């Protein structure tokens, strides 16, 4: 007999697989890249969408649209929690829980779980790579897996700690670090980009690191305002 919590996890995993398959199915039709490279760019695409939808979730005040985690009132979607959502909406019409906000919050979680599914697939394929790029593929994909798990933890704390400003801000910063790391990783493992890099001097890595850190600090301070 499957417990309710296990059933919830299975249902959420199924939804995540569906969301993850959409960008991958699109990239699978494109020529010129192998499956690992396509997967890398699918992760980048979906993470970018996740960050944008996360901003919409915050701006629409939907962060507590489902006040528990990872489901919505113990279910995998707001349809199955409509009674609880309606009751919360009636009790506090201007509160954080409405049908619209519940769907916004859960779609955000679906996208986040989909990114996790793709990164797990990325790790598996990294170990199947051959040649000089194999070591980079393995190390990079494992780093992204650790980073996305940390980001998931902050996502959970954002809900369970009721949108504490410092947690929300750290959640945003980690999302940007995760996205930039994914872009770098995808470019390093893209044979077309590797073969077409222009020769010449590049910007010193210290200046790139300084600019990145400065930008993240500015974003962090802005999110705390």
N, C-alpha and C. Protein backbone atom coordinates (compact mmCIF):
# COMPACT_ATOMS: atom_id res chain seq x y z
N UNK A 1 0.84 -1.19 0.00
CA UNK A 1 0.00 0.00 0.00
C UNK A 1 0.88 1.25 0.00
N UNK A 2 0.69 2.11 -0.97
CA UNK A 2 1.49 3.33 -1.08
C UNK A 2 0.92 4.40 -0.16
N UNK A 3 1.79 5.02 0.62
CA UNK A 3 1.34 6.07 1.53
C UNK A 3 0.97 7.32 0.74
N UNK A 4 0.25 8.23 1.39
CA UNK A 4 -0.17 9.46 0.72
C UNK A 4 1.03 10.33 0.34
N UNK A 5 2.03 10.38 1.21
CA UNK A 5 3.21 11.18 0.91
C UNK A 5 3.99 10.62 -0.27
N UNK A 6 4.10 9.29 -0.33
CA UNK A 6 4.80 8.67 -1.46
C UNK A 6 4.03 8.88 -2.76
N UNK A 7 2.71 8.79 -2.68
CA UNK A 7 1.88 9.02 -3.86
C UNK A 7 2.02 10.46 -4.34
N UNK A 8 2.09 11.40 -3.40
CA UNK A 8 2.28 12.80 -3.76
C UNK A 8 3.59 13.00 -4.50
N UNK A 9 4.65 12.39 -4.00
CA UNK A 9 5.97 12.51 -4.64
C UNK A 9 5.93 11.93 -6.05
N UNK A 10 5.29 10.78 -6.22
CA UNK A 10 5.19 10.16 -7.54
C UNK A 10 4.40 11.02 -8.51
N UNK A 11 3.31 11.60 -8.04
CA UNK A 11 2.51 12.46 -8.91
C UNK A 11 3.28 13.71 -9.32
N UNK A 12 3.98 14.32 -8.37
CA UNK A 12 4.78 15.50 -8.69
C UNK A 12 5.92 15.15 -9.64
N UNK A 13 6.52 13.97 -9.46
CA UNK A 13 7.59 13.54 -10.36
C UNK A 13 7.07 13.35 -11.78
N UNK A 14 5.87 12.79 -11.90
CA UNK A 14 5.27 12.62 -13.23
C UNK A 14 5.03 13.94 -13.92
N UNK A 15 4.52 14.91 -13.16
CA UNK A 15 4.29 16.24 -13.73
C UNK A 15 5.62 16.88 -14.14
N UNK A 16 6.64 16.69 -13.31
CA UNK A 16 7.97 17.25 -13.63
C UNK A 16 8.53 16.66 -14.90
N UNK A 17 8.34 15.35 -15.12
CA UNK A 17 8.82 14.70 -16.33
C UNK A 17 8.13 15.26 -17.57
N UNK A 18 6.84 15.56 -17.44
CA UNK A 18 6.10 16.13 -18.57
C UNK A 18 6.64 17.52 -18.90
N UNK A 19 6.81 18.37 -17.90
CA UNK A 19 7.34 19.71 -18.12
C UNK A 19 8.75 19.64 -18.70
N UNK A 20 9.57 18.73 -18.17
CA UNK A 20 10.95 18.62 -18.64
C UNK A 20 11.03 18.13 -20.07
N UNK A 21 10.06 17.33 -20.49
CA UNK A 21 10.11 16.77 -21.82
C UNK A 21 9.78 17.75 -22.93
N UNK A 22 9.08 18.83 -22.61
CA UNK A 22 8.67 19.78 -23.65
C UNK A 22 9.85 20.47 -24.33
N UNK A 23 10.75 21.13 -23.58
CA UNK A 23 11.90 21.76 -24.27
C UNK A 23 12.83 20.74 -24.88
N UNK A 24 12.97 19.57 -24.25
CA UNK A 24 13.85 18.54 -24.78
C UNK A 24 13.32 17.99 -26.09
N UNK A 25 11.99 17.85 -26.19
CA UNK A 25 11.38 17.38 -27.44
C UNK A 25 11.62 18.37 -28.57
N UNK A 26 11.57 19.66 -28.24
CA UNK A 26 11.83 20.69 -29.26
C UNK A 26 13.28 20.63 -29.74
N UNK A 27 14.21 20.54 -28.79
CA UNK A 27 15.62 20.52 -29.16
C UNK A 27 16.01 19.24 -29.88
N UNK A 28 15.29 18.16 -29.59
CA UNK A 28 15.60 16.88 -30.23
C UNK A 28 15.42 16.95 -31.75
N UNK A 29 14.59 17.87 -32.21
CA UNK A 29 14.34 18.02 -33.64
C UNK A 29 15.42 18.84 -34.34
N UNK A 30 16.22 19.54 -33.55
CA UNK A 30 17.26 20.37 -34.15
C UNK A 30 18.50 19.54 -34.45
N UNK A 31 19.13 19.84 -35.57
CA UNK A 31 20.30 19.10 -36.01
C UNK A 31 21.57 19.82 -35.57
N UNK A 32 22.65 19.07 -35.54
CA UNK A 32 23.96 19.66 -35.29
C UNK A 32 24.47 19.51 -33.87
N UNK A 33 23.64 19.03 -32.94
CA UNK A 33 24.07 18.84 -31.57
C UNK A 33 23.80 17.41 -31.15
N UNK A 34 24.66 16.85 -30.30
CA UNK A 34 24.38 15.52 -29.78
C UNK A 34 23.40 15.63 -28.61
N UNK A 35 22.97 14.51 -28.07
CA UNK A 35 21.92 14.50 -27.06
C UNK A 35 22.36 15.22 -25.79
N UNK A 36 23.65 15.10 -25.44
CA UNK A 36 24.14 15.76 -24.22
C UNK A 36 24.12 17.28 -24.38
N UNK A 37 24.54 17.75 -25.54
CA UNK A 37 24.51 19.19 -25.79
C UNK A 37 23.08 19.72 -25.82
N UNK A 38 22.18 18.96 -26.42
CA UNK A 38 20.78 19.36 -26.46
C UNK A 38 20.20 19.44 -25.05
N UNK A 39 20.56 18.47 -24.23
CA UNK A 39 20.07 18.46 -22.85
C UNK A 39 20.60 19.67 -22.08
N UNK A 40 21.86 20.00 -22.30
CA UNK A 40 22.43 21.18 -21.62
C UNK A 40 21.66 22.44 -21.95
N UNK A 41 21.34 22.63 -23.23
CA UNK A 41 20.62 23.84 -23.63
C UNK A 41 19.16 23.79 -23.19
N UNK A 42 18.59 22.60 -23.08
CA UNK A 42 17.23 22.47 -22.55
C UNK A 42 17.19 22.92 -21.10
N UNK A 43 18.21 22.57 -20.33
CA UNK A 43 18.29 23.00 -18.93
C UNK A 43 18.39 24.52 -18.85
N UNK A 44 19.22 25.11 -19.71
CA UNK A 44 19.37 26.57 -19.73
C UNK A 44 18.03 27.23 -20.05
N UNK A 45 17.35 26.73 -21.08
CA UNK A 45 16.07 27.31 -21.49
C UNK A 45 15.04 27.23 -20.37
N UNK A 46 14.92 26.07 -19.74
CA UNK A 46 13.91 25.88 -18.71
C UNK A 46 14.24 26.68 -17.45
N UNK A 47 15.51 26.81 -17.13
CA UNK A 47 15.91 27.60 -15.96
C UNK A 47 15.62 29.07 -16.17
N UNK A 48 15.86 29.55 -17.39
CA UNK A 48 15.53 30.94 -17.71
C UNK A 48 14.03 31.19 -17.54
N UNK A 49 13.21 30.26 -18.03
CA UNK A 49 11.76 30.38 -17.86
C UNK A 49 11.38 30.34 -16.38
N UNK A 50 12.07 29.50 -15.62
CA UNK A 50 11.79 29.38 -14.19
C UNK A 50 12.06 30.69 -13.46
N UNK A 51 13.17 31.35 -13.80
CA UNK A 51 13.50 32.62 -13.15
C UNK A 51 12.46 33.69 -13.49
N UNK A 52 12.06 33.74 -14.76
CA UNK A 52 11.04 34.71 -15.15
C UNK A 52 9.72 34.44 -14.44
N UNK A 53 9.34 33.17 -14.38
CA UNK A 53 8.07 32.84 -13.71
C UNK A 53 8.19 33.04 -12.21
N UNK A 54 9.39 32.87 -11.67
CA UNK A 54 9.59 33.16 -10.25
C UNK A 54 9.37 34.63 -9.95
N UNK A 55 9.82 35.49 -10.86
CA UNK A 55 9.58 36.93 -10.68
C UNK A 55 8.08 37.23 -10.73
N UNK A 56 7.37 36.59 -11.65
CA UNK A 56 5.92 36.77 -11.74
C UNK A 56 5.23 36.26 -10.48
N UNK A 57 5.72 35.15 -9.94
CA UNK A 57 5.16 34.61 -8.70
C UNK A 57 5.31 35.62 -7.57
N UNK A 58 6.47 36.22 -7.49
CA UNK A 58 6.72 37.23 -6.44
C UNK A 58 5.88 38.48 -6.65
N UNK A 59 5.83 38.98 -7.88
CA UNK A 59 5.10 40.22 -8.16
C UNK A 59 3.59 40.06 -8.01
N UNK A 60 3.08 38.86 -8.25
CA UNK A 60 1.65 38.61 -8.09
C UNK A 60 1.29 38.18 -6.67
N UNK A 61 2.29 38.23 -5.78
CA UNK A 61 2.08 37.90 -4.37
C UNK A 61 1.55 36.47 -4.22
N UNK A 62 2.11 35.55 -5.01
CA UNK A 62 1.63 34.16 -5.01
C UNK A 62 2.58 33.21 -4.29
N UNK A 63 3.56 33.75 -3.59
CA UNK A 63 4.56 32.90 -2.95
C UNK A 63 3.99 31.94 -1.92
N UNK A 64 2.85 32.31 -1.32
CA UNK A 64 2.19 31.43 -0.35
C UNK A 64 0.82 31.00 -0.87
N UNK A 65 0.69 30.95 -2.19
CA UNK A 65 -0.58 30.52 -2.79
C UNK A 65 -0.95 29.11 -2.37
N UNK A 66 0.08 28.29 -2.14
CA UNK A 66 -0.08 26.98 -1.50
C UNK A 66 0.84 27.01 -0.29
N UNK A 67 0.29 27.14 0.91
CA UNK A 67 1.13 27.42 2.09
C UNK A 67 1.94 26.25 2.62
N UNK A 68 1.82 25.06 2.01
CA UNK A 68 2.66 23.93 2.39
C UNK A 68 3.61 23.60 1.24
N UNK A 69 4.48 22.61 1.45
CA UNK A 69 5.48 22.26 0.44
C UNK A 69 5.77 20.78 0.54
N UNK A 70 5.97 20.05 -0.59
CA UNK A 70 6.06 20.54 -1.98
C UNK A 70 4.73 20.60 -2.70
N UNK A 71 3.68 20.04 -2.12
CA UNK A 71 2.39 20.03 -2.79
C UNK A 71 1.52 21.21 -2.40
N UNK A 72 0.25 21.07 -2.68
CA UNK A 72 -0.71 22.12 -2.36
C UNK A 72 -1.78 21.50 -1.46
N UNK A 73 -1.68 21.81 -0.16
CA UNK A 73 -2.56 21.18 0.83
C UNK A 73 -2.48 19.66 0.75
N UNK A 74 -1.26 19.18 0.58
CA UNK A 74 -1.03 17.75 0.56
C UNK A 74 -1.39 17.06 -0.74
N UNK A 75 -1.69 17.82 -1.79
CA UNK A 75 -2.04 17.25 -3.08
C UNK A 75 -1.06 17.73 -4.14
N UNK A 76 -1.14 17.12 -5.32
CA UNK A 76 -0.18 17.46 -6.38
C UNK A 76 -0.61 18.64 -7.24
N UNK A 77 -1.88 19.08 -7.10
CA UNK A 77 -2.33 20.22 -7.90
C UNK A 77 -3.53 20.89 -7.23
N UNK A 78 -3.74 22.17 -7.51
CA UNK A 78 -4.82 22.92 -6.86
C UNK A 78 -6.23 22.37 -7.12
N UNK A 79 -6.43 21.66 -8.22
CA UNK A 79 -7.75 21.09 -8.48
C UNK A 79 -8.19 20.20 -7.32
N UNK A 80 -7.25 19.43 -6.82
CA UNK A 80 -7.57 18.47 -5.77
C UNK A 80 -7.61 19.11 -4.38
N UNK A 81 -7.20 20.37 -4.29
CA UNK A 81 -7.23 21.08 -3.01
C UNK A 81 -8.20 22.25 -3.06
N UNK A 82 -9.15 22.20 -4.00
CA UNK A 82 -10.04 23.34 -4.20
C UNK A 82 -10.85 23.67 -2.96
N UNK A 83 -11.27 22.67 -2.21
CA UNK A 83 -12.07 22.92 -1.00
C UNK A 83 -11.28 23.73 0.02
N UNK A 84 -10.04 23.34 0.25
CA UNK A 84 -9.20 24.07 1.22
C UNK A 84 -8.87 25.47 0.72
N UNK A 85 -8.61 25.60 -0.58
CA UNK A 85 -8.28 26.91 -1.14
C UNK A 85 -9.47 27.85 -1.04
N UNK A 86 -10.64 27.37 -1.38
CA UNK A 86 -11.85 28.19 -1.30
C UNK A 86 -12.11 28.62 0.14
N UNK A 87 -11.91 27.71 1.08
CA UNK A 87 -12.14 28.03 2.49
C UNK A 87 -11.18 29.12 2.97
N UNK A 88 -9.90 29.01 2.57
CA UNK A 88 -8.91 30.02 2.94
C UNK A 88 -9.22 31.36 2.29
N UNK A 89 -9.72 31.32 1.06
CA UNK A 89 -10.06 32.54 0.33
C UNK A 89 -11.25 33.25 0.96
N UNK A 90 -12.24 32.48 1.41
CA UNK A 90 -13.41 33.06 2.07
C UNK A 90 -13.03 33.65 3.42
N UNK A 91 -12.16 32.94 4.16
CA UNK A 91 -11.75 33.41 5.48
C UNK A 91 -10.93 34.69 5.39
N UNK A 92 -10.14 34.83 4.32
CA UNK A 92 -9.30 36.02 4.15
C UNK A 92 -9.24 36.37 2.66
N UNK A 93 -10.24 37.12 2.17
CA UNK A 93 -10.33 37.43 0.73
C UNK A 93 -9.09 38.13 0.16
N UNK A 94 -8.43 38.93 0.98
CA UNK A 94 -7.24 39.64 0.50
C UNK A 94 -5.95 38.94 0.93
N UNK A 95 -6.09 37.72 1.39
CA UNK A 95 -4.93 36.98 1.89
C UNK A 95 -4.10 36.36 0.78
N UNK A 96 -3.10 35.57 1.18
CA UNK A 96 -2.16 35.02 0.21
C UNK A 96 -2.70 33.84 -0.59
N UNK A 97 -3.80 33.24 -0.15
CA UNK A 97 -4.30 32.03 -0.79
C UNK A 97 -5.55 32.34 -1.62
N UNK A 98 -5.43 32.17 -2.93
CA UNK A 98 -6.56 32.23 -3.85
C UNK A 98 -6.35 31.15 -4.90
N UNK A 99 -7.36 30.88 -5.68
CA UNK A 99 -7.22 29.86 -6.72
C UNK A 99 -6.13 30.26 -7.71
N UNK A 100 -6.15 31.51 -8.13
CA UNK A 100 -5.15 32.00 -9.09
C UNK A 100 -3.74 31.88 -8.52
N UNK A 101 -3.56 32.35 -7.28
CA UNK A 101 -2.24 32.33 -6.67
C UNK A 101 -1.75 30.90 -6.43
N UNK A 102 -2.68 30.01 -6.12
CA UNK A 102 -2.29 28.60 -5.92
C UNK A 102 -1.74 28.01 -7.20
N UNK A 103 -2.38 28.31 -8.32
CA UNK A 103 -1.91 27.78 -9.60
C UNK A 103 -0.57 28.40 -9.99
N UNK A 104 -0.41 29.69 -9.75
CA UNK A 104 0.86 30.34 -10.06
C UNK A 104 1.99 29.69 -9.25
N UNK A 105 1.76 29.51 -7.97
CA UNK A 105 2.78 28.92 -7.11
C UNK A 105 3.11 27.49 -7.52
N UNK A 106 2.11 26.69 -7.85
CA UNK A 106 2.36 25.30 -8.21
C UNK A 106 3.05 25.17 -9.57
N UNK A 107 2.70 26.03 -10.53
CA UNK A 107 3.39 26.00 -11.82
C UNK A 107 4.87 26.33 -11.63
N UNK A 108 5.13 27.28 -10.74
CA UNK A 108 6.51 27.62 -10.42
C UNK A 108 7.25 26.40 -9.86
N UNK A 109 6.59 25.65 -9.01
CA UNK A 109 7.21 24.45 -8.44
C UNK A 109 7.38 23.35 -9.49
N UNK A 110 6.41 23.23 -10.38
CA UNK A 110 6.53 22.24 -11.45
C UNK A 110 7.76 22.52 -12.30
N UNK A 111 7.96 23.79 -12.65
CA UNK A 111 9.12 24.17 -13.45
C UNK A 111 10.42 23.88 -12.70
N UNK A 112 10.43 24.18 -11.40
CA UNK A 112 11.62 23.94 -10.59
C UNK A 112 11.95 22.45 -10.53
N UNK A 113 10.94 21.62 -10.34
CA UNK A 113 11.16 20.18 -10.30
C UNK A 113 11.63 19.65 -11.66
N UNK A 114 11.14 20.25 -12.73
CA UNK A 114 11.54 19.85 -14.07
C UNK A 114 13.02 20.12 -14.31
N UNK A 115 13.50 21.25 -13.82
CA UNK A 115 14.93 21.56 -13.92
C UNK A 115 15.74 20.49 -13.18
N UNK A 116 15.25 20.10 -12.01
CA UNK A 116 15.93 19.04 -11.26
C UNK A 116 15.98 17.73 -12.03
N UNK A 117 14.88 17.37 -12.68
CA UNK A 117 14.83 16.13 -13.47
C UNK A 117 15.85 16.18 -14.60
N UNK A 118 15.92 17.30 -15.29
CA UNK A 118 16.85 17.43 -16.41
C UNK A 118 18.30 17.37 -15.95
N UNK A 119 18.59 17.95 -14.79
CA UNK A 119 19.96 17.93 -14.30
C UNK A 119 20.37 16.52 -13.88
N UNK A 120 19.45 15.76 -13.31
CA UNK A 120 19.74 14.36 -12.99
C UNK A 120 20.06 13.59 -14.27
N UNK A 121 19.28 13.82 -15.32
CA UNK A 121 19.56 13.20 -16.62
C UNK A 121 20.90 13.67 -17.16
N UNK A 122 21.23 14.91 -16.91
CA UNK A 122 22.50 15.49 -17.34
C UNK A 122 23.68 14.75 -16.69
N UNK A 123 23.55 14.46 -15.39
CA UNK A 123 24.60 13.74 -14.67
C UNK A 123 24.80 12.34 -15.26
N UNK A 124 23.68 11.67 -15.53
CA UNK A 124 23.75 10.31 -16.09
C UNK A 124 24.46 10.32 -17.44
N UNK A 125 24.10 11.25 -18.31
CA UNK A 125 24.72 11.31 -19.63
C UNK A 125 26.18 11.77 -19.56
N UNK A 126 26.51 12.57 -18.53
CA UNK A 126 27.89 13.04 -18.40
C UNK A 126 28.85 11.88 -18.22
N UNK A 127 28.43 10.86 -17.48
CA UNK A 127 29.29 9.70 -17.24
C UNK A 127 29.45 8.84 -18.50
N UNK A 128 28.61 9.08 -19.50
CA UNK A 128 28.69 8.32 -20.74
C UNK A 128 29.50 9.06 -21.81
N UNK A 129 29.95 10.27 -21.48
CA UNK A 129 30.74 11.02 -22.45
C UNK A 129 32.12 10.40 -22.61
N UNK A 130 32.74 10.66 -23.74
CA UNK A 130 34.08 10.15 -24.00
C UNK A 130 34.96 11.31 -24.44
N UNK A 131 36.25 11.12 -24.37
CA UNK A 131 37.17 12.14 -24.84
C UNK A 131 37.57 13.12 -23.75
N UNK A 132 38.19 14.21 -24.20
CA UNK A 132 38.75 15.18 -23.27
C UNK A 132 37.70 15.92 -22.46
N UNK A 133 36.47 16.02 -22.98
CA UNK A 133 35.43 16.78 -22.30
C UNK A 133 34.72 15.97 -21.21
N UNK A 134 35.04 14.67 -21.08
CA UNK A 134 34.31 13.82 -20.14
C UNK A 134 34.47 14.31 -18.70
N UNK A 135 35.69 14.62 -18.30
CA UNK A 135 35.93 15.05 -16.92
C UNK A 135 35.17 16.33 -16.61
N UNK A 136 35.22 17.29 -17.52
CA UNK A 136 34.50 18.54 -17.33
C UNK A 136 33.00 18.29 -17.25
N UNK A 137 32.49 17.40 -18.11
CA UNK A 137 31.06 17.10 -18.11
C UNK A 137 30.60 16.51 -16.79
N UNK A 138 31.39 15.60 -16.24
CA UNK A 138 31.03 14.96 -14.97
C UNK A 138 31.10 15.96 -13.83
N UNK A 139 32.22 16.68 -13.73
CA UNK A 139 32.38 17.63 -12.63
C UNK A 139 31.33 18.75 -12.70
N UNK A 140 31.10 19.25 -13.91
CA UNK A 140 30.15 20.34 -14.08
C UNK A 140 28.73 19.93 -13.77
N UNK A 141 28.33 18.76 -14.24
CA UNK A 141 26.96 18.31 -14.00
C UNK A 141 26.72 18.00 -12.52
N UNK A 142 27.72 17.43 -11.85
CA UNK A 142 27.59 17.16 -10.41
C UNK A 142 27.50 18.47 -9.62
N UNK A 143 28.28 19.46 -10.04
CA UNK A 143 28.21 20.77 -9.38
C UNK A 143 26.81 21.37 -9.55
N UNK A 144 26.26 21.27 -10.75
CA UNK A 144 24.91 21.80 -11.00
C UNK A 144 23.87 21.05 -10.17
N UNK A 145 24.07 19.74 -9.99
CA UNK A 145 23.13 18.96 -9.18
C UNK A 145 23.14 19.42 -7.73
N UNK A 146 24.33 19.64 -7.19
CA UNK A 146 24.44 20.14 -5.81
C UNK A 146 23.79 21.51 -5.70
N UNK A 147 24.06 22.34 -6.69
CA UNK A 147 23.53 23.71 -6.66
C UNK A 147 22.01 23.72 -6.75
N UNK A 148 21.43 22.86 -7.60
CA UNK A 148 19.98 22.85 -7.75
C UNK A 148 19.31 22.26 -6.50
N UNK A 149 19.98 21.33 -5.83
CA UNK A 149 19.45 20.80 -4.56
C UNK A 149 19.44 21.89 -3.49
N UNK A 150 20.50 22.68 -3.45
CA UNK A 150 20.55 23.80 -2.51
C UNK A 150 19.47 24.83 -2.82
N UNK A 151 19.29 25.09 -4.11
CA UNK A 151 18.25 26.03 -4.54
C UNK A 151 16.86 25.50 -4.17
N UNK A 152 16.66 24.18 -4.31
CA UNK A 152 15.39 23.59 -3.92
C UNK A 152 15.13 23.73 -2.43
N UNK A 153 16.20 23.59 -1.63
CA UNK A 153 16.05 23.77 -0.18
C UNK A 153 15.62 25.18 0.16
N UNK A 154 16.21 26.17 -0.51
CA UNK A 154 15.82 27.56 -0.28
C UNK A 154 14.39 27.81 -0.76
N UNK A 155 13.99 27.11 -1.83
CA UNK A 155 12.62 27.23 -2.28
C UNK A 155 11.64 26.73 -1.24
N UNK A 156 11.99 25.61 -0.59
CA UNK A 156 11.14 25.08 0.47
C UNK A 156 11.11 26.02 1.66
N UNK A 157 12.27 26.55 2.05
CA UNK A 157 12.33 27.47 3.18
C UNK A 157 11.58 28.76 2.90
N UNK A 158 11.56 29.17 1.64
CA UNK A 158 10.80 30.38 1.28
C UNK A 158 9.34 30.24 1.68
N UNK A 159 8.79 29.03 1.49
CA UNK A 159 7.39 28.78 1.84
C UNK A 159 7.23 28.52 3.33
N UNK A 160 8.02 27.60 3.86
CA UNK A 160 7.84 27.19 5.26
C UNK A 160 8.19 28.31 6.24
N UNK A 161 9.08 29.21 5.86
CA UNK A 161 9.43 30.34 6.72
C UNK A 161 8.65 31.60 6.35
N UNK A 162 7.60 31.43 5.55
CA UNK A 162 6.65 32.50 5.25
C UNK A 162 7.29 33.73 4.62
N UNK A 163 8.08 33.49 3.58
CA UNK A 163 8.66 34.57 2.75
C UNK A 163 9.57 35.50 3.55
N UNK A 164 10.44 34.93 4.37
CA UNK A 164 11.43 35.75 5.06
C UNK A 164 12.29 36.46 4.03
N UNK A 165 12.46 37.79 4.12
CA UNK A 165 13.19 38.54 3.09
C UNK A 165 14.58 37.99 2.78
N UNK A 166 15.33 37.60 3.81
CA UNK A 166 16.69 37.12 3.57
C UNK A 166 16.66 35.80 2.79
N UNK A 167 15.69 34.95 3.08
CA UNK A 167 15.58 33.67 2.38
C UNK A 167 15.16 33.90 0.93
N UNK A 168 14.20 34.79 0.72
CA UNK A 168 13.74 35.11 -0.63
C UNK A 168 14.89 35.68 -1.46
N UNK A 169 15.67 36.56 -0.86
CA UNK A 169 16.80 37.17 -1.56
C UNK A 169 17.87 36.14 -1.91
N UNK A 170 18.17 35.26 -0.97
CA UNK A 170 19.15 34.22 -1.25
C UNK A 170 18.65 33.25 -2.32
N UNK A 171 17.35 33.01 -2.32
CA UNK A 171 16.74 32.16 -3.34
C UNK A 171 16.95 32.77 -4.74
N UNK A 172 16.79 34.09 -4.83
CA UNK A 172 17.00 34.79 -6.10
C UNK A 172 18.47 34.74 -6.52
N UNK A 173 19.38 35.02 -5.59
CA UNK A 173 20.80 35.03 -5.92
C UNK A 173 21.27 33.65 -6.39
N UNK A 174 20.83 32.62 -5.69
CA UNK A 174 21.21 31.26 -6.08
C UNK A 174 20.66 30.90 -7.46
N UNK A 175 19.45 31.40 -7.76
CA UNK A 175 18.87 31.15 -9.08
C UNK A 175 19.73 31.76 -10.17
N UNK A 176 20.22 32.96 -9.96
CA UNK A 176 21.07 33.62 -10.95
C UNK A 176 22.43 32.92 -11.07
N UNK A 177 22.98 32.49 -9.94
CA UNK A 177 24.24 31.74 -9.97
C UNK A 177 24.05 30.43 -10.72
N UNK A 178 22.94 29.75 -10.44
CA UNK A 178 22.64 28.49 -11.12
C UNK A 178 22.50 28.69 -12.62
N UNK A 179 21.78 29.73 -13.02
CA UNK A 179 21.58 29.98 -14.44
C UNK A 179 22.89 30.31 -15.15
N UNK A 180 23.68 31.19 -14.55
CA UNK A 180 24.96 31.55 -15.18
C UNK A 180 25.89 30.34 -15.27
N UNK A 181 25.86 29.48 -14.26
CA UNK A 181 26.69 28.27 -14.29
C UNK A 181 26.22 27.33 -15.40
N UNK A 182 24.91 27.24 -15.59
CA UNK A 182 24.37 26.39 -16.65
C UNK A 182 24.76 26.89 -18.03
N UNK A 183 24.71 28.21 -18.22
CA UNK A 183 25.09 28.77 -19.52
C UNK A 183 26.56 28.49 -19.80
N UNK A 184 27.41 28.72 -18.80
CA UNK A 184 28.84 28.45 -18.96
C UNK A 184 29.08 26.98 -19.29
N UNK A 185 28.40 26.10 -18.56
CA UNK A 185 28.57 24.66 -18.76
C UNK A 185 28.11 24.24 -20.16
N UNK A 186 26.98 24.77 -20.60
CA UNK A 186 26.46 24.43 -21.93
C UNK A 186 27.41 24.90 -23.02
N UNK A 187 27.97 26.09 -22.86
CA UNK A 187 28.90 26.62 -23.86
C UNK A 187 30.19 25.82 -23.90
N UNK A 188 30.70 25.42 -22.73
CA UNK A 188 31.95 24.66 -22.67
C UNK A 188 31.80 23.28 -23.30
N UNK A 189 30.59 22.75 -23.32
CA UNK A 189 30.36 21.42 -23.86
C UNK A 189 29.70 21.44 -25.24
N UNK A 190 29.58 22.62 -25.83
CA UNK A 190 28.98 22.75 -27.16
C UNK A 190 30.09 22.74 -28.20
N UNK A 191 30.13 21.71 -29.02
CA UNK A 191 31.21 21.55 -30.00
C UNK A 191 31.24 22.69 -31.01
N UNK A 192 30.07 23.21 -31.37
CA UNK A 192 30.04 24.30 -32.36
C UNK A 192 30.68 25.56 -31.79
N UNK A 193 30.36 25.86 -30.53
CA UNK A 193 30.92 27.07 -29.91
C UNK A 193 32.42 26.89 -29.70
N UNK A 194 32.82 25.69 -29.28
CA UNK A 194 34.23 25.42 -29.05
C UNK A 194 35.04 25.59 -30.34
N UNK A 195 34.51 25.08 -31.45
CA UNK A 195 35.25 25.12 -32.71
C UNK A 195 35.22 26.48 -33.38
N UNK A 196 34.27 27.34 -32.98
CA UNK A 196 34.14 28.63 -33.66
C UNK A 196 34.59 29.81 -32.80
N UNK A 197 35.26 29.54 -31.69
CA UNK A 197 35.71 30.63 -30.83
C UNK A 197 36.74 31.48 -31.59
N UNK A 198 36.57 32.77 -31.48
CA UNK A 198 37.50 33.67 -32.15
C UNK A 198 38.83 33.69 -31.40
N UNK A 199 39.89 33.83 -32.14
CA UNK A 199 41.21 33.93 -31.54
C UNK A 199 41.46 35.36 -31.10
N UNK A 200 42.27 35.49 -30.07
CA UNK A 200 42.58 36.83 -29.58
C UNK A 200 42.51 36.89 -28.08
N UNK A 201 42.77 38.06 -27.54
CA UNK A 201 42.78 38.24 -26.10
C UNK A 201 41.35 38.29 -25.58
N UNK A 202 41.15 37.66 -24.44
CA UNK A 202 39.85 37.70 -23.78
C UNK A 202 39.94 38.53 -22.52
N UNK A 203 38.80 38.91 -22.01
CA UNK A 203 38.76 39.71 -20.79
C UNK A 203 39.31 38.89 -19.63
N UNK A 204 40.23 39.43 -18.84
CA UNK A 204 40.80 38.68 -17.73
C UNK A 204 39.71 38.14 -16.80
N UNK A 205 39.90 36.91 -16.31
CA UNK A 205 38.90 36.25 -15.49
C UNK A 205 38.65 37.03 -14.20
N UNK A 206 39.66 37.74 -13.69
CA UNK A 206 39.48 38.50 -12.46
C UNK A 206 38.46 39.62 -12.64
N UNK A 207 38.49 40.26 -13.79
CA UNK A 207 37.53 41.32 -14.06
C UNK A 207 36.12 40.75 -14.24
N UNK A 208 36.03 39.59 -14.87
CA UNK A 208 34.73 38.94 -15.02
C UNK A 208 34.15 38.57 -13.66
N UNK A 209 35.01 38.01 -12.79
CA UNK A 209 34.57 37.64 -11.45
C UNK A 209 34.15 38.86 -10.65
N UNK A 210 34.93 39.94 -10.76
CA UNK A 210 34.60 41.18 -10.04
C UNK A 210 33.26 41.74 -10.51
N UNK A 211 33.04 41.77 -11.81
CA UNK A 211 31.78 42.30 -12.35
C UNK A 211 30.59 41.44 -11.93
N UNK A 212 30.79 40.11 -11.92
CA UNK A 212 29.72 39.20 -11.53
C UNK A 212 29.35 39.37 -10.07
N UNK A 213 30.35 39.43 -9.20
CA UNK A 213 30.09 39.60 -7.77
C UNK A 213 29.42 40.93 -7.49
N UNK A 214 29.88 41.98 -8.17
CA UNK A 214 29.27 43.31 -8.00
C UNK A 214 27.80 43.30 -8.41
N UNK A 215 27.52 42.65 -9.53
CA UNK A 215 26.14 42.56 -10.02
C UNK A 215 25.26 41.80 -9.03
N UNK A 216 25.76 40.69 -8.50
CA UNK A 216 24.98 39.90 -7.55
C UNK A 216 24.71 40.68 -6.27
N UNK A 217 25.71 41.43 -5.80
CA UNK A 217 25.50 42.25 -4.61
C UNK A 217 24.43 43.30 -4.86
N UNK A 218 24.47 43.93 -6.03
CA UNK A 218 23.49 44.95 -6.37
C UNK A 218 22.07 44.34 -6.44
N UNK A 219 21.98 43.17 -7.04
CA UNK A 219 20.68 42.50 -7.11
C UNK A 219 20.17 42.14 -5.72
N UNK A 220 21.08 41.64 -4.89
CA UNK A 220 20.72 41.27 -3.51
C UNK A 220 20.21 42.48 -2.74
N UNK A 221 20.92 43.58 -2.83
CA UNK A 221 20.50 44.80 -2.11
C UNK A 221 19.17 45.31 -2.65
N UNK A 222 18.98 45.21 -3.97
CA UNK A 222 17.71 45.64 -4.55
C UNK A 222 16.55 44.78 -4.10
N UNK A 223 16.79 43.47 -3.98
CA UNK A 223 15.71 42.57 -3.55
C UNK A 223 15.35 42.76 -2.08
N UNK A 224 16.29 43.28 -1.29
CA UNK A 224 16.03 43.51 0.12
C UNK A 224 15.32 44.83 0.37
N UNK A 225 15.26 45.69 -0.68
CA UNK A 225 14.67 47.00 -0.51
C UNK A 225 13.16 46.99 -0.41
